[in-house]
Amino acid sequence: MRVAYNEQMTELADLLGEMAGLAGQAMERATQSLLQADLRIAEQVIGDHERITDLSAQAEERAFALLALQAPVAGDLRSVVSGIQIVADIDRMGALALHVAKIARRRHPAHALPEEVNGYFAEMGRIAVALGGSAREVLETRDPERAAKLREEDEAMDDLHRHLFSVLMDREWKHGVAAAVDVTLLGRFYERFADHAVEVGRRVIFLVTGELPSDMPTPPAQHVN
């Protein structure tokens, strides 16, 4: 029974790592489609999203099978429950990349972004992709110290998000309401992508140590995934 449980947990961990890699790849391509108004790449992100959805369903099915068939307790139960929560976080990361690609597609052949904010989103995209890669790394290594560093990496995203609002609120904004709405939504999508990557790290810390980091409280419920 123990051998079977360990094999199933390894399979679940592999699925989670693959999902995180795909989510990061999706955000990288979505950012490219956004900055370049590239319809082909946007369509690729949208079409490829089904793979993340399929893996999410597989991971949830395996996690719930572990709960039902292996009846884990203590640390094993913590691992399975954390796995179910991580599935949800990575699934949302993929969905947020999808939202970015859909805005790029909707505004094509025009650019969704005014030129003056391109630099913000290029950097936000870079940080998001790096955080996606870090999330995959901590899922594979189960290193709580590395997982804790995701919070520090997220600070740059938060700073950019705040600065972006200063641009939107400037009286010199000349691009109208529709562009302002797109920029606001897109900024939120990148910020939430990063937040979910940090949450993956937080859950890995709990999985390994049994304790939540004191400086990483459970975030409030959000209306935007």
C-alpha atoms as a PDB file:
ATOM      1  CA  MET A   1       0.000   0.000   0.000  1.00  0.00           C
ATOM      2  CA  ARG A   2       2.788   2.427   0.893  1.00  0.00           C
ATOM      3  CA  VAL A   3       4.628   1.816  -2.376  1.00  0.00           C
ATOM      4  CA  ALA A   4       1.436   2.444  -4.333  1.00  0.00           C
ATOM      5  CA  TYR A   5       0.772   5.645  -2.401  1.00  0.00           C
ATOM      6  CA  ASN A   6       4.280   6.973  -3.031  1.00  0.00           C
ATOM      7  CA  GLU A   7       4.016   6.190  -6.744  1.00  0.00           C
ATOM      8  CA  GLN A   8       0.677   7.982  -6.988  1.00  0.00           C
ATOM      9  CA  MET A   9       2.008  11.018  -5.135  1.00  0.00           C
ATOM     10  CA  THR A  10       5.000  11.157  -7.495  1.00  0.00           C
ATOM     11  CA  GLU A  11       2.646  11.049 -10.471  1.00  0.00           C
ATOM     12  CA  LEU A  12       0.582  13.863  -8.969  1.00  0.00           C
ATOM     13  CA  ALA A  13       3.695  15.968  -8.345  1.00  0.00           C
ATOM     14  CA  ASP A  14       4.829  15.412 -11.943  1.00  0.00           C
ATOM     15  CA  LEU A  15       1.441  16.566 -13.227  1.00  0.00           C
ATOM     16  CA  LEU A  16       1.576  19.708 -11.096  1.00  0.00           C
ATOM     17  CA  GLY A  17       5.060  20.533 -12.346  1.00  0.00           C
ATOM     18  CA  GLU A  18       3.971  20.070 -15.956  1.00  0.00           C
ATOM     19  CA  MET A  19       0.935  22.288 -15.377  1.00  0.00           C
ATOM     20  CA  ALA A  20       3.087  25.059 -13.892  1.00  0.00           C
ATOM     21  CA  GLY A  21       5.444  24.882 -16.859  1.00  0.00           C
ATOM     22  CA  LEU A  22       2.554  25.143 -19.310  1.00  0.00           C
ATOM     23  CA  ALA A  23       1.031  28.080 -17.419  1.00  0.00           C
ATOM     24  CA  GLY A  24       4.320  29.977 -17.572  1.00  0.00           C
ATOM     25  CA  GLN A  25       4.690  29.184 -21.262  1.00  0.00           C
ATOM     26  CA  ALA A  26       1.124  30.359 -21.894  1.00  0.00           C
ATOM     27  CA  MET A  27       1.765  33.685 -20.170  1.00  0.00           C
ATOM     28  CA  GLU A  28       4.987  34.175 -22.105  1.00  0.00           C
ATOM     29  CA  ARG A  29       3.181  33.676 -25.411  1.00  0.00           C
ATOM     30  CA  ALA A  30       0.158  35.690 -24.305  1.00  0.00           C
ATOM     31  CA  THR A  31       2.445  38.615 -23.474  1.00  0.00           C
ATOM     32  CA  GLN A  32       4.090  38.319 -26.872  1.00  0.00           C
ATOM     33  CA  SER A  33       0.696  38.366 -28.588  1.00  0.00           C
ATOM     34  CA  LEU A  34      -0.312  41.392 -26.531  1.00  0.00           C
ATOM     35  CA  LEU A  35       2.797  43.458 -27.229  1.00  0.00           C
ATOM     36  CA  GLN A  36       2.984  42.553 -30.901  1.00  0.00           C
ATOM     37  CA  ALA A  37      -0.768  42.389 -31.664  1.00  0.00           C
ATOM     38  CA  ASP A  38      -0.011  38.907 -33.005  1.00  0.00           C
ATOM     39  CA  LEU A  39      -3.265  37.063 -33.682  1.00  0.00           C
ATOM     40  CA  ARG A  40      -1.547  33.768 -34.508  1.00  0.00           C
ATOM     41  CA  ILE A  41       0.163  33.568 -31.133  1.00  0.00           C
ATOM     42  CA  ALA A  42      -2.997  34.620 -29.296  1.00  0.00           C
ATOM     43  CA  GLU A  43      -4.926  31.834 -31.025  1.00  0.00           C
ATOM     44  CA  GLN A  44      -2.180  29.381 -30.104  1.00  0.00           C
ATOM     45  CA  VAL A  45      -2.480  30.291 -26.410  1.00  0.00           C
ATOM     46  CA  ILE A  46      -6.244  29.931 -26.570  1.00  0.00           C
ATOM     47  CA  GLY A  47      -6.050  26.591 -28.364  1.00  0.00           C
ATOM     48  CA  ASP A  48      -3.359  25.192 -26.059  1.00  0.00           C
ATOM     49  CA  HIS A  49      -5.305  26.055 -22.901  1.00  0.00           C
ATOM     50  CA  GLU A  50      -7.242  22.810 -23.210  1.00  0.00           C
ATOM     51  CA  ARG A  51      -4.054  20.938 -22.299  1.00  0.00           C
ATOM     52  CA  ILE A  52      -3.871  22.718 -18.937  1.00  0.00           C
ATOM     53  CA  THR A  53      -7.568  22.020 -18.358  1.00  0.00           C
ATOM     54  CA  ASP A  54      -7.059  18.331 -19.119  1.00  0.00           C
ATOM     55  CA  LEU A  55      -4.078  18.061 -16.778  1.00  0.00           C
ATOM     56  CA  SER A  56      -6.010  19.872 -14.067  1.00  0.00           C
ATOM     57  CA  ALA A  57      -8.814  17.337 -14.320  1.00  0.00           C
ATOM     58  CA  GLN A  58      -6.334  14.451 -14.234  1.00  0.00           C
ATOM     59  CA  ALA A  59      -4.535  15.880 -11.195  1.00  0.00           C
ATOM     60  CA  GLU A  60      -7.774  16.436  -9.283  1.00  0.00           C
ATOM     61  CA  GLU A  61      -8.949  12.925 -10.135  1.00  0.00           C
ATOM     62  CA  ARG A  62      -5.706  11.403  -8.853  1.00  0.00           C
ATOM     63  CA  ALA A  63      -5.750  13.490  -5.683  1.00  0.00           C
ATOM     64  CA  PHE A  64      -9.329  12.551  -4.843  1.00  0.00           C
ATOM     65  CA  ALA A  65      -8.571   8.909  -5.613  1.00  0.00           C
ATOM     66  CA  LEU A  66      -5.752   9.076  -3.068  1.00  0.00           C
ATOM     67  CA  LEU A  67      -8.174  10.445  -0.483  1.00  0.00           C
ATOM     68  CA  ALA A  68     -10.779   7.788  -1.220  1.00  0.00           C
ATOM     69  CA  LEU A  69      -8.585   4.732  -1.681  1.00  0.00           C
ATOM     70  CA  GLN A  70      -5.519   5.340   0.496  1.00  0.00           C
ATOM     71  CA  ALA A  71      -7.235   7.096   3.418  1.00  0.00           C
ATOM     72  CA  PRO A  72      -4.121   9.150   4.216  1.00  0.00           C
ATOM     73  CA  VAL A  73      -3.591  10.666   7.653  1.00  0.00           C
ATOM     74  CA  ALA A  74      -1.266  13.282   9.184  1.00  0.00           C
ATOM     75  CA  GLY A  75       1.514  14.323   6.823  1.00  0.00           C
ATOM     76  CA  ASP A  76       0.193  12.229   3.952  1.00  0.00           C
ATOM     77  CA  LEU A  77      -3.214  13.871   4.209  1.00  0.00           C
ATOM     78  CA  ARG A  78      -1.550  17.280   4.223  1.00  0.00           C
ATOM     79  CA  SER A  79       0.281  16.399   1.013  1.00  0.00           C
ATOM     80  CA  VAL A  80      -2.890  15.327  -0.784  1.00  0.00           C
ATOM     81  CA  VAL A  81      -4.948  18.315   0.333  1.00  0.00           C
ATOM     82  CA  SER A  82      -2.124  20.701  -0.568  1.00  0.00           C
ATOM     83  CA  GLY A  83      -1.951  19.032  -3.958  1.00  0.00           C
ATOM     84  CA  ILE A  84      -5.656  19.682  -4.581  1.00  0.00           C
ATOM     85  CA  GLN A  85      -5.206  23.341  -3.635  1.00  0.00           C
ATOM     86  CA  ILE A  86      -2.134  23.696  -5.877  1.00  0.00           C
ATOM     87  CA  VAL A  87      -4.098  22.276  -8.803  1.00  0.00           C
ATOM     88  CA  ALA A  88      -6.596  25.116  -8.390  1.00  0.00           C
ATOM     89  CA  ASP A  89      -3.859  27.772  -8.214  1.00  0.00           C
ATOM     90  CA  ILE A  90      -2.078  26.586 -11.348  1.00  0.00           C
ATOM     91  CA  ASP A  91      -5.356  26.161 -13.208  1.00  0.00           C
ATOM     92  CA  ARG A  92      -6.118  29.824 -12.480  1.00  0.00           C
ATOM     93  CA  MET A  93      -2.656  30.854 -13.672  1.00  0.00           C
ATOM     94  CA  GLY A  94      -3.419  29.223 -16.989  1.00  0.00           C
ATOM     95  CA  ALA A  95      -6.822  30.905 -17.122  1.00  0.00           C
ATOM     96  CA  LEU A  96      -5.246  34.324 -16.521  1.00  0.00           C
ATOM     97  CA  ALA A  97      -2.824  33.823 -19.411  1.00  0.00           C
ATOM     98  CA  LEU A  98      -5.850  32.858 -21.487  1.00  0.00           C
ATOM     99  CA  HIS A  99      -7.588  36.127 -20.539  1.00  0.00           C
ATOM    100  CA  VAL A 100      -4.554  38.103 -21.728  1.00  0.00           C
ATOM    101  CA  ALA A 101      -4.549  36.298 -25.077  1.00  0.00           C
ATOM    102  CA  LYS A 102      -8.275  36.870 -25.524  1.00  0.00           C
ATOM    103  CA  ILE A 103      -7.886  40.620 -25.075  1.00  0.00           C
ATOM    104  CA  ALA A 104      -5.082  40.624 -27.654  1.00  0.00           C
ATOM    105  CA  ARG A 105      -7.348  38.706 -30.035  1.00  0.00           C
ATOM    106  CA  ARG A 106     -10.347  40.932 -29.412  1.00  0.00           C
ATOM    107  CA  ARG A 107      -8.406  44.119 -30.224  1.00  0.00           C
ATOM    108  CA  HIS A 108      -6.626  42.707 -33.284  1.00  0.00           C
ATOM    109  CA  PRO A 109      -5.505  44.112 -35.697  1.00  0.00           C
ATOM    110  CA  ALA A 110      -5.101  47.091 -33.363  1.00  0.00           C
ATOM    111  CA  HIS A 111      -2.807  46.929 -30.345  1.00  0.00           C
ATOM    112  CA  ALA A 112      -4.677  46.527 -27.060  1.00  0.00           C
ATOM    113  CA  LEU A 113      -2.057  48.620 -25.270  1.00  0.00           C
ATOM    114  CA  PRO A 114      -1.132  52.256 -25.780  1.00  0.00           C
ATOM    115  CA  GLU A 115       2.567  52.472 -26.585  1.00  0.00           C
ATOM    116  CA  GLU A 116       3.376  54.323 -23.366  1.00  0.00           C
ATOM    117  CA  VAL A 117       2.472  51.295 -21.207  1.00  0.00           C
ATOM    118  CA  ASN A 118       4.187  48.644 -23.332  1.00  0.00           C
ATOM    119  CA  GLY A 119       7.259  48.769 -21.110  1.00  0.00           C
ATOM    120  CA  TYR A 120       5.177  48.066 -18.015  1.00  0.00           C
ATOM    121  CA  PHE A 121       3.615  44.981 -19.541  1.00  0.00           C
ATOM    122  CA  ALA A 122       6.841  43.703 -21.032  1.00  0.00           C
ATOM    123  CA  GLU A 123       8.335  43.724 -17.529  1.00  0.00           C
ATOM    124  CA  MET A 124       5.187  42.362 -15.880  1.00  0.00           C
ATOM    125  CA  GLY A 125       5.214  39.544 -18.409  1.00  0.00           C
ATOM    126  CA  ARG A 126       8.860  38.803 -17.683  1.00  0.00           C
ATOM    127  CA  ILE A 127       8.211  38.655 -13.936  1.00  0.00           C
ATOM    128  CA  ALA A 128       5.115  36.507 -14.380  1.00  0.00           C
ATOM    129  CA  VAL A 129       6.992  33.984 -16.524  1.00  0.00           C
ATOM    130  CA  ALA A 130       9.876  33.897 -14.025  1.00  0.00           C
ATOM    131  CA  LEU A 131       7.430  33.286 -11.171  1.00  0.00           C
ATOM    132  CA  GLY A 132       5.797  30.504 -13.151  1.00  0.00           C
ATOM    133  CA  GLY A 133       9.203  28.902 -13.574  1.00  0.00           C
ATOM    134  CA  SER A 134       9.951  29.337  -9.878  1.00  0.00           C
ATOM    135  CA  ALA A 135       6.628  27.719  -8.982  1.00  0.00           C
ATOM    136  CA  ARG A 136       7.524  24.723 -11.099  1.00  0.00           C
ATOM    137  CA  GLU A 137      10.951  24.566  -9.459  1.00  0.00           C
ATOM    138  CA  VAL A 138       9.589  24.507  -5.912  1.00  0.00           C
ATOM    139  CA  LEU A 139       7.020  21.865  -6.871  1.00  0.00           C
ATOM    140  CA  GLU A 140       9.844  19.672  -8.136  1.00  0.00           C
ATOM    141  CA  THR A 141      12.320  20.320  -5.312  1.00  0.00           C
ATOM    142  CA  ARG A 142       9.924  20.804  -2.368  1.00  0.00           C
ATOM    143  CA  ASP A 143      12.441  23.347  -1.056  1.00  0.00           C
ATOM    144  CA  PRO A 144      10.679  25.565   1.506  1.00  0.00           C
ATOM    145  CA  GLU A 145      13.442  28.199   1.478  1.00  0.00           C
ATOM    146  CA  ARG A 146      13.191  28.562  -2.281  1.00  0.00           C
ATOM    147  CA  ALA A 147       9.399  28.624  -1.997  1.00  0.00           C
ATOM    148  CA  ALA A 148       9.553  31.512   0.489  1.00  0.00           C
ATOM    149  CA  LYS A 149      11.524  33.607  -2.002  1.00  0.00           C
ATOM    150  CA  LEU A 150       8.565  33.735  -4.371  1.00  0.00           C
ATOM    151  CA  ARG A 151       7.045  36.386  -2.126  1.00  0.00           C
ATOM    152  CA  GLU A 152      10.123  38.590  -2.620  1.00  0.00           C
ATOM    153  CA  GLU A 153      10.017  38.071  -6.393  1.00  0.00           C
ATOM    154  CA  ASP A 154       6.362  39.121  -6.397  1.00  0.00           C
ATOM    155  CA  GLU A 155       7.153  42.523  -4.875  1.00  0.00           C
ATOM    156  CA  ALA A 156       8.420  43.837  -8.219  1.00  0.00           C
ATOM    157  CA  MET A 157       5.099  42.874  -9.812  1.00  0.00           C
ATOM    158  CA  ASP A 158       3.183  44.703  -7.087  1.00  0.00           C
ATOM    159  CA  ASP A 159       5.313  47.817  -7.624  1.00  0.00           C
ATOM    160  CA  LEU A 160       4.678  47.796 -11.360  1.00  0.00           C
ATOM    161  CA  HIS A 161       0.959  47.319 -10.813  1.00  0.00           C
ATOM    162  CA  ARG A 162       0.835  50.342  -8.510  1.00  0.00           C
ATOM    163  CA  HIS A 163       2.835  52.498 -10.934  1.00  0.00           C
ATOM    164  CA  LEU A 164       0.529  51.473 -13.761  1.00  0.00           C
ATOM    165  CA  PHE A 165      -2.388  53.007 -11.892  1.00  0.00           C
ATOM    166  CA  SER A 166      -0.531  56.290 -11.638  1.00  0.00           C
ATOM    167  CA  VAL A 167      -0.338  56.337 -15.441  1.00  0.00           C
ATOM    168  CA  LEU A 168      -4.060  55.638 -15.762  1.00  0.00           C
ATOM    169  CA  MET A 169      -4.960  58.361 -13.278  1.00  0.00           C
ATOM    170  CA  ASP A 170      -2.764  60.972 -14.949  1.00  0.00           C
ATOM    171  CA  ARG A 171      -4.704  63.844 -16.493  1.00  0.00           C
ATOM    172  CA  GLU A 172      -2.555  63.454 -19.584  1.00  0.00           C
ATOM    173  CA  TRP A 173      -4.156  60.082 -20.389  1.00  0.00           C
ATOM    174  CA  LYS A 174      -5.392  60.475 -23.973  1.00  0.00           C
ATOM    175  CA  HIS A 175      -6.460  56.974 -24.939  1.00  0.00           C
ATOM    176  CA  GLY A 176     -10.075  56.886 -23.798  1.00  0.00           C
ATOM    177  CA  VAL A 177     -12.131  54.688 -21.530  1.00  0.00           C
ATOM    178  CA  ALA A 178     -11.888  51.435 -23.512  1.00  0.00           C
ATOM    179  CA  ALA A 179      -8.089  51.460 -23.427  1.00  0.00           C
ATOM    180  CA  ALA A 180      -8.125  52.333 -19.731  1.00  0.00           C
ATOM    181  CA  VAL A 181     -10.417  49.375 -19.031  1.00  0.00           C
ATOM    182  CA  ASP A 182      -8.175  47.017 -21.004  1.00  0.00           C
ATOM    183  CA  VAL A 183      -5.042  48.235 -19.219  1.00  0.00           C
ATOM    184  CA  THR A 184      -6.748  47.907 -15.820  1.00  0.00           C
ATOM    185  CA  LEU A 185      -7.922  44.357 -16.531  1.00  0.00           C
ATOM    186  CA  LEU A 186      -4.600  43.286 -17.986  1.00  0.00           C
ATOM    187  CA  GLY A 187      -2.685  44.694 -15.043  1.00  0.00           C
ATOM    188  CA  ARG A 188      -4.956  42.762 -12.722  1.00  0.00           C
ATOM    189  CA  PHE A 189      -4.474  39.542 -14.688  1.00  0.00           C
ATOM    190  CA  TYR A 190      -0.685  39.775 -14.368  1.00  0.00           C
ATOM    191  CA  GLU A 191      -0.864  40.653 -10.690  1.00  0.00           C
ATOM    192  CA  ARG A 192      -3.161  37.707  -9.934  1.00  0.00           C
ATOM    193  CA  PHE A 193      -0.975  35.326 -11.969  1.00  0.00           C
ATOM    194  CA  ALA A 194       1.944  36.294  -9.742  1.00  0.00           C
ATOM    195  CA  ASP A 195      -0.193  35.979  -6.602  1.00  0.00           C
ATOM    196  CA  HIS A 196      -1.163  32.420  -7.502  1.00  0.00           C
ATOM    197  CA  ALA A 197       2.481  31.515  -8.113  1.00  0.00           C
ATOM    198  CA  VAL A 198       3.295  32.856  -4.644  1.00  0.00           C
ATOM    199  CA  GLU A 199       0.407  30.838  -3.251  1.00  0.00           C
ATOM    200  CA  VAL A 200       1.891  27.685  -4.785  1.00  0.00           C
ATOM    201  CA  GLY A 201       5.087  28.418  -2.860  1.00  0.00           C
ATOM    202  CA  ARG A 202       3.107  29.014   0.307  1.00  0.00           C
ATOM    203  CA  ARG A 203       1.317  25.692  -0.052  1.00  0.00           C
ATOM    204  CA  VAL A 204       4.608  23.874  -0.677  1.00  0.00           C
ATOM    205  CA  ILE A 205       5.954  25.333   2.569  1.00  0.00           C
ATOM    206  CA  PHE A 206       2.871  24.045   4.396  1.00  0.00           C
ATOM    207  CA  LEU A 207       3.186  20.671   2.695  1.00  0.00           C
ATOM    208  CA  VAL A 208       6.809  20.256   3.808  1.00  0.00           C
ATOM    209  CA  THR A 209       6.745  21.859   7.261  1.00  0.00           C
ATOM    210  CA  GLY A 210       3.124  21.583   8.347  1.00  0.00           C
ATOM    211  CA  GLU A 211       3.085  25.316   9.125  1.00  0.00           C
ATOM    212  CA  LEU A 212       1.987  28.358   7.159  1.00  0.00           C
ATOM    213  CA  PRO A 213       4.578  31.146   6.901  1.00  0.00           C
ATOM    214  CA  SER A 214       3.754  33.836   9.455  1.00  0.00           C
ATOM    215  CA  ASP A 215       4.323  36.621   6.915  1.00  0.00           C
ATOM    216  CA  MET A 216       2.174  34.986   4.262  1.00  0.00           C
ATOM    217  CA  PRO A 217      -1.427  35.063   5.487  1.00  0.00           C
ATOM    218  CA  THR A 218      -4.197  33.396   3.551  1.00  0.00           C
ATOM    219  CA  PRO A 219      -5.307  35.903   0.908  1.00  0.00           C
ATOM    220  CA  PRO A 220      -8.943  37.051   0.876  1.00  0.00           C
ATOM    221  CA  ALA A 221     -11.335  35.678  -1.712  1.00  0.00           C
ATOM    222  CA  GLN A 222     -10.965  37.412  -5.058  1.00  0.00           C
ATOM    223  CA  HIS A 223     -13.555  37.978  -7.778  1.00  0.00           C
ATOM    224  CA  VAL A 224     -10.872  37.893 -10.472  1.00  0.00           C
ATOM    225  CA  ASN A 225      -9.099  34.557 -10.840  1.00  0.00           C
END
